Amino acid sequence: MRVTVDHDLCVGAGQCVRAAPEVFEQRDPDGKSTVLQPVPDTRYQAAVREAAARMCPARAITVVG
């Protein structure tokens, strides 16, 4: 699995950070999400998929694999 965040789409809602804080964080000063683990550990993959599919209001998260 590989995960990315499109910063042009991200609105900084932070739902991904709440779902998988080991993989996402909100950057200063704009609050947009960024990826800490582009290839997340297997134990975080379900949370990453949940964040991408259901939680991101802007659909800014892409998961491949």
PDB file of N, CA and C in Angstrom:
ATOM      1  N   MET A   1       0.836  -1.171   0.000  1.00  0.00           N
ATOM      2  CA  MET A   1       0.000   0.000   0.000  1.00  0.00           C
ATOM      3  C   MET A   1       0.886   1.241   0.000  1.00  0.00           C
ATOM      4  N   ARG A   2       0.441   2.210  -0.785  1.00  0.00           N
ATOM      5  CA  ARG A   2       1.098   3.518  -0.815  1.00  0.00           C
ATOM      6  C   ARG A   2       0.010   4.574  -0.657  1.00  0.00           C
ATOM      7  N   VAL A   3       0.252   5.579   0.181  1.00  0.00           N
ATOM      8  CA  VAL A   3      -0.752   6.604   0.459  1.00  0.00           C
ATOM      9  C   VAL A   3      -0.180   7.995   0.194  1.00  0.00           C
ATOM     10  N   THR A   4      -1.016   8.846  -0.411  1.00  0.00           N
ATOM     11  CA  THR A   4      -0.642  10.233  -0.659  1.00  0.00           C
ATOM     12  C   THR A   4      -1.819  11.137  -0.301  1.00  0.00           C
ATOM     13  N   VAL A   5      -1.517  12.414  -0.080  1.00  0.00           N
ATOM     14  CA  VAL A   5      -2.545  13.430   0.148  1.00  0.00           C
ATOM     15  C   VAL A   5      -2.345  14.526  -0.894  1.00  0.00           C
ATOM     16  N   ASP A   6      -3.416  14.871  -1.592  1.00  0.00           N
ATOM     17  CA  ASP A   6      -3.387  15.965  -2.555  1.00  0.00           C
ATOM     18  C   ASP A   6      -3.619  17.260  -1.782  1.00  0.00           C
ATOM     19  N   HIS A   7      -2.586  18.065  -1.631  1.00  0.00           N
ATOM     20  CA  HIS A   7      -2.686  19.290  -0.846  1.00  0.00           C
ATOM     21  C   HIS A   7      -3.575  20.342  -1.495  1.00  0.00           C
ATOM     22  N   ASP A   8      -3.792  20.237  -2.794  1.00  0.00           N
ATOM     23  CA  ASP A   8      -4.710  21.160  -3.462  1.00  0.00           C
ATOM     24  C   ASP A   8      -6.161  20.867  -3.091  1.00  0.00           C
ATOM     25  N   LEU A   9      -6.459  19.610  -2.785  1.00  0.00           N
ATOM     26  CA  LEU A   9      -7.819  19.220  -2.402  1.00  0.00           C
ATOM     27  C   LEU A   9      -8.057  19.263  -0.900  1.00  0.00           C
ATOM     28  N   CYS A  10      -7.031  19.028  -0.116  1.00  0.00           N
ATOM     29  CA  CYS A  10      -7.170  18.931   1.338  1.00  0.00           C
ATOM     30  C   CYS A  10      -7.734  20.227   1.920  1.00  0.00           C
ATOM     31  N   VAL A  11      -8.727  20.068   2.804  1.00  0.00           N
ATOM     32  CA  VAL A  11      -9.342  21.229   3.465  1.00  0.00           C
ATOM     33  C   VAL A  11      -8.928  21.339   4.935  1.00  0.00           C
ATOM     34  N   GLY A  12      -8.088  20.433   5.396  1.00  0.00           N
ATOM     35  CA  GLY A  12      -7.585  20.495   6.763  1.00  0.00           C
ATOM     36  C   GLY A  12      -8.583  20.070   7.823  1.00  0.00           C
ATOM     37  N   ALA A  13      -9.518  19.206   7.475  1.00  0.00           N
ATOM     38  CA  ALA A  13     -10.521  18.744   8.432  1.00  0.00           C
ATOM     39  C   ALA A  13      -9.905  17.885   9.540  1.00  0.00           C
ATOM     40  N   GLY A  14      -8.819  17.195   9.239  1.00  0.00           N
ATOM     41  CA  GLY A  14      -8.110  16.415  10.250  1.00  0.00           C
ATOM     42  C   GLY A  14      -8.686  15.052  10.560  1.00  0.00           C
ATOM     43  N   GLN A  15      -9.672  14.606   9.811  1.00  0.00           N
ATOM     44  CA  GLN A  15     -10.262  13.292  10.067  1.00  0.00           C
ATOM     45  C   GLN A  15      -9.249  12.172   9.878  1.00  0.00           C
ATOM     46  N   CYS A  16      -8.372  12.317   8.914  1.00  0.00           N
ATOM     47  CA  CYS A  16      -7.352  11.287   8.684  1.00  0.00           C
ATOM     48  C   CYS A  16      -6.389  11.196   9.862  1.00  0.00           C
ATOM     49  N   VAL A  17      -6.065  12.332  10.452  1.00  0.00           N
ATOM     50  CA  VAL A  17      -5.166  12.354  11.607  1.00  0.00           C
ATOM     51  C   VAL A  17      -5.816  11.643  12.791  1.00  0.00           C
ATOM     52  N   ARG A  18      -7.114  11.848  12.955  1.00  0.00           N
ATOM     53  CA  ARG A  18      -7.827  11.160  14.036  1.00  0.00           C
ATOM     54  C   ARG A  18      -7.899   9.658  13.785  1.00  0.00           C
ATOM     55  N   ALA A  19      -8.047   9.275  12.531  1.00  0.00           N
ATOM     56  CA  ALA A  19      -8.170   7.852  12.183  1.00  0.00           C
ATOM     57  C   ALA A  19      -6.836   7.119  12.259  1.00  0.00           C
ATOM     58  N   ALA A  20      -5.763   7.770  11.828  1.00  0.00           N
ATOM     59  CA  ALA A  20      -4.455   7.108  11.751  1.00  0.00           C
ATOM     60  C   ALA A  20      -3.338   8.113  12.066  1.00  0.00           C
ATOM     61  N   PRO A  21      -3.196   8.497  13.332  1.00  0.00           N
ATOM     62  CA  PRO A  21      -2.183   9.496  13.687  1.00  0.00           C
ATOM     63  C   PRO A  21      -0.745   9.035  13.464  1.00  0.00           C
ATOM     64  N   GLU A  22      -0.553   7.744  13.320  1.00  0.00           N
ATOM     65  CA  GLU A  22       0.786   7.222  13.033  1.00  0.00           C
ATOM     66  C   GLU A  22       1.168   7.456  11.573  1.00  0.00           C
ATOM     67  N   VAL A  23       0.166   7.704  10.733  1.00  0.00           N
ATOM     68  CA  VAL A  23       0.399   7.834   9.289  1.00  0.00           C
ATOM     69  C   VAL A  23       0.232   9.276   8.807  1.00  0.00           C
ATOM     70  N   PHE A  24      -0.690  10.031   9.419  1.00  0.00           N
ATOM     71  CA  PHE A  24      -0.977  11.397   8.979  1.00  0.00           C
ATOM     72  C   PHE A  24      -0.711  12.402  10.093  1.00  0.00           C
ATOM     73  N   GLU A  25      -0.392  13.641   9.693  1.00  0.00           N
ATOM     74  CA  GLU A  25      -0.337  14.757  10.626  1.00  0.00           C
ATOM     75  C   GLU A  25      -0.802  16.011   9.892  1.00  0.00           C
ATOM     76  N   GLN A  26      -1.197  17.014  10.669  1.00  0.00           N
ATOM     77  CA  GLN A  26      -1.577  18.286  10.078  1.00  0.00           C
ATOM     78  C   GLN A  26      -0.394  19.222  10.167  1.00  0.00           C
ATOM     79  N   ARG A  27      -0.070  19.845   9.045  1.00  0.00           N
ATOM     80  CA  ARG A  27       1.106  20.713   8.998  1.00  0.00           C
ATOM     81  C   ARG A  27       0.741  22.143   9.386  1.00  0.00           C
ATOM     82  N   ASP A  28       1.725  22.842   9.864  1.00  0.00           N
ATOM     83  CA  ASP A  28       1.588  24.268  10.174  1.00  0.00           C
ATOM     84  C   ASP A  28       2.023  25.039   8.935  1.00  0.00           C
ATOM     85  N   PRO A  29       1.539  26.168   8.630  1.00  0.00           N
ATOM     86  CA  PRO A  29       0.487  26.895   9.318  1.00  0.00           C
ATOM     87  C   PRO A  29      -0.905  26.676   8.708  1.00  0.00           C
ATOM     88  N   ASP A  30      -0.999  25.942   7.608  1.00  0.00           N
ATOM     89  CA  ASP A  30      -2.291  25.847   6.908  1.00  0.00           C
ATOM     90  C   ASP A  30      -3.197  24.722   7.403  1.00  0.00           C
ATOM     91  N   GLY A  31      -2.694  23.819   8.239  1.00  0.00           N
ATOM     92  CA  GLY A  31      -3.517  22.751   8.798  1.00  0.00           C
ATOM     93  C   GLY A  31      -3.813  21.608   7.851  1.00  0.00           C
ATOM     94  N   LYS A  32      -3.237  21.647   6.664  1.00  0.00           N
ATOM     95  CA  LYS A  32      -3.481  20.561   5.720  1.00  0.00           C
ATOM     96  C   LYS A  32      -2.723  19.316   6.150  1.00  0.00           C
ATOM     97  N   SER A  33      -3.283  18.183   5.794  1.00  0.00           N
ATOM     98  CA  SER A  33      -2.680  16.905   6.193  1.00  0.00           C
ATOM     99  C   SER A  33      -1.485  16.569   5.333  1.00  0.00           C
ATOM    100  N   THR A  34      -0.556  15.881   5.948  1.00  0.00           N
ATOM    101  CA  THR A  34       0.611  15.376   5.248  1.00  0.00           C
ATOM    102  C   THR A  34       0.836  13.933   5.699  1.00  0.00           C
ATOM    103  N   VAL A  35       1.556  13.180   4.908  1.00  0.00           N
ATOM    104  CA  VAL A  35       1.757  11.759   5.166  1.00  0.00           C
ATOM    105  C   VAL A  35       3.097  11.545   5.867  1.00  0.00           C
ATOM    106  N   LEU A  36       3.050  10.887   7.010  1.00  0.00           N
ATOM    107  CA  LEU A  36       4.268  10.543   7.752  1.00  0.00           C
ATOM    108  C   LEU A  36       4.869   9.229   7.268  1.00  0.00           C
ATOM    109  N   GLN A  37       3.989   8.301   6.862  1.00  0.00           N
ATOM    110  CA  GLN A  37       4.408   6.982   6.394  1.00  0.00           C
ATOM    111  C   GLN A  37       3.789   6.732   5.023  1.00  0.00           C
ATOM    112  N   PRO A  38       4.471   7.078   3.933  1.00  0.00           N
ATOM    113  CA  PRO A  38       3.914   6.855   2.595  1.00  0.00           C
ATOM    114  C   PRO A  38       3.603   5.383   2.314  1.00  0.00           C
ATOM    115  N   VAL A  39       4.350   4.503   2.959  1.00  0.00           N
ATOM    116  CA  VAL A  39       4.085   3.065   2.875  1.00  0.00           C
ATOM    117  C   VAL A  39       3.811   2.607   4.311  1.00  0.00           C
ATOM    118  N   PRO A  40       2.541   2.684   4.727  1.00  0.00           N
ATOM    119  CA  PRO A  40       2.218   2.411   6.126  1.00  0.00           C
ATOM    120  C   PRO A  40       2.445   0.968   6.536  1.00  0.00           C
ATOM    121  N   ASP A  41       2.824   0.810   7.775  1.00  0.00           N
ATOM    122  CA  ASP A  41       2.936  -0.505   8.388  1.00  0.00           C
ATOM    123  C   ASP A  41       1.587  -1.215   8.246  1.00  0.00           C
ATOM    124  N   THR A  42       1.602  -2.508   8.103  1.00  0.00           N
ATOM    125  CA  THR A  42       0.367  -3.269   7.899  1.00  0.00           C
ATOM    126  C   THR A  42      -0.659  -3.068   9.012  1.00  0.00           C
ATOM    127  N   ARG A  43      -0.216  -2.813  10.217  1.00  0.00           N
ATOM    128  CA  ARG A  43      -1.175  -2.639  11.314  1.00  0.00           C
ATOM    129  C   ARG A  43      -1.980  -1.347  11.203  1.00  0.00           C
ATOM    130  N   TYR A  44      -1.551  -0.400  10.354  1.00  0.00           N
ATOM    131  CA  TYR A  44      -2.275   0.857  10.176  1.00  0.00           C
ATOM    132  C   TYR A  44      -3.083   0.908   8.878  1.00  0.00           C
ATOM    133  N   GLN A  45      -2.958  -0.098   8.041  1.00  0.00           N
ATOM    134  CA  GLN A  45      -3.569  -0.047   6.722  1.00  0.00           C
ATOM    135  C   GLN A  45      -5.092   0.030   6.751  1.00  0.00           C
ATOM    136  N   ALA A  46      -5.741  -0.662   7.656  1.00  0.00           N
ATOM    137  CA  ALA A  46      -7.208  -0.593   7.741  1.00  0.00           C
ATOM    138  C   ALA A  46      -7.652   0.822   8.097  1.00  0.00           C
ATOM    139  N   ALA A  47      -6.967   1.461   9.020  1.00  0.00           N
ATOM    140  CA  ALA A  47      -7.312   2.830   9.406  1.00  0.00           C
ATOM    141  C   ALA A  47      -7.070   3.809   8.260  1.00  0.00           C
ATOM    142  N   VAL A  48      -6.014   3.590   7.495  1.00  0.00           N
ATOM    143  CA  VAL A  48      -5.725   4.447   6.339  1.00  0.00           C
ATOM    144  C   VAL A  48      -6.818   4.300   5.292  1.00  0.00           C
ATOM    145  N   ARG A  49      -7.235   3.078   5.025  1.00  0.00           N
ATOM    146  CA  ARG A  49      -8.325   2.856   4.056  1.00  0.00           C
ATOM    147  C   ARG A  49      -9.625   3.509   4.535  1.00  0.00           C
ATOM    148  N   GLU A  50      -9.907   3.418   5.814  1.00  0.00           N
ATOM    149  CA  GLU A  50     -11.100   4.046   6.388  1.00  0.00           C
ATOM    150  C   GLU A  50     -11.026   5.567   6.226  1.00  0.00           C
ATOM    151  N   ALA A  51      -9.878   6.139   6.508  1.00  0.00           N
ATOM    152  CA  ALA A  51      -9.705   7.589   6.366  1.00  0.00           C
ATOM    153  C   ALA A  51      -9.908   8.019   4.923  1.00  0.00           C
ATOM    154  N   ALA A  52      -9.386   7.252   3.988  1.00  0.00           N
ATOM    155  CA  ALA A  52      -9.498   7.612   2.575  1.00  0.00           C
ATOM    156  C   ALA A  52     -10.908   7.423   2.050  1.00  0.00           C
ATOM    157  N   ALA A  53     -11.549   6.336   2.411  1.00  0.00           N
ATOM    158  CA  ALA A  53     -12.848   5.991   1.833  1.00  0.00           C
ATOM    159  C   ALA A  53     -14.019   6.701   2.495  1.00  0.00           C
ATOM    160  N   ARG A  54     -13.945   6.910   3.790  1.00  0.00           N
ATOM    161  CA  ARG A  54     -15.134   7.397   4.501  1.00  0.00           C
ATOM    162  C   ARG A  54     -14.962   8.700   5.254  1.00  0.00           C
ATOM    163  N   MET A  55     -13.762   9.030   5.631  1.00  0.00           N
ATOM    164  CA  MET A  55     -13.596  10.146   6.556  1.00  0.00           C
ATOM    165  C   MET A  55     -13.161  11.450   5.905  1.00  0.00           C
ATOM    166  N   CYS A  56     -12.428  11.393   4.823  1.00  0.00           N
ATOM    167  CA  CYS A  56     -11.907  12.623   4.206  1.00  0.00           C
ATOM    168  C   CYS A  56     -13.023  13.323   3.429  1.00  0.00           C
ATOM    169  N   PRO A  57     -13.467  14.492   3.891  1.00  0.00           N
ATOM    170  CA  PRO A  57     -14.565  15.176   3.213  1.00  0.00           C
ATOM    171  C   PRO A  57     -14.196  15.686   1.825  1.00  0.00           C
ATOM    172  N   ALA A  58     -12.909  15.905   1.586  1.00  0.00           N
ATOM    173  CA  ALA A  58     -12.464  16.428   0.298  1.00  0.00           C
ATOM    174  C   ALA A  58     -11.982  15.341  -0.653  1.00  0.00           C
ATOM    175  N   ARG A  59     -11.955  14.091  -0.174  1.00  0.00           N
ATOM    176  CA  ARG A  59     -11.446  12.978  -0.981  1.00  0.00           C
ATOM    177  C   ARG A  59     -10.023  13.266  -1.487  1.00  0.00           C
ATOM    178  N   ALA A  60      -9.212  13.807  -0.580  1.00  0.00           N
ATOM    179  CA  ALA A  60      -7.855  14.200  -0.923  1.00  0.00           C
ATOM    180  C   ALA A  60      -6.838  13.071  -0.747  1.00  0.00           C
ATOM    181  N   ILE A  61      -7.246  11.966  -0.150  1.00  0.00           N
ATOM    182  CA  ILE A  61      -6.330  10.853   0.131  1.00  0.00           C
ATOM    183  C   ILE A  61      -6.440   9.811  -0.969  1.00  0.00           C
ATOM    184  N   THR A  62      -5.280   9.401  -1.473  1.00  0.00           N
ATOM    185  CA  THR A  62      -5.229   8.333  -2.472  1.00  0.00           C
ATOM    186  C   THR A  62      -4.477   7.165  -1.880  1.00  0.00           C
ATOM    187  N   VAL A  63      -5.068   5.986  -2.016  1.00  0.00           N
ATOM    188  CA  VAL A  63      -4.434   4.750  -1.550  1.00  0.00           C
ATOM    189  C   VAL A  63      -4.289   3.838  -2.757  1.00  0.00           C
ATOM    190  N   VAL A  64      -3.072   3.356  -2.977  1.00  0.00           N
ATOM    191  CA  VAL A  64      -2.786   2.438  -4.075  1.00  0.00           C
ATOM    192  C   VAL A  64      -2.239   1.149  -3.470  1.00  0.00           C
ATOM    193  N   GLY A  65      -2.828   0.050  -3.876  1.00  0.00           N
ATOM    194  CA  GLY A  65      -2.352  -1.247  -3.408  1.00  0.00           C
ATOM    195  C   GLY A  65      -3.089  -1.793  -2.242  1.00  0.00           C
TER     196      GLY A  65
END
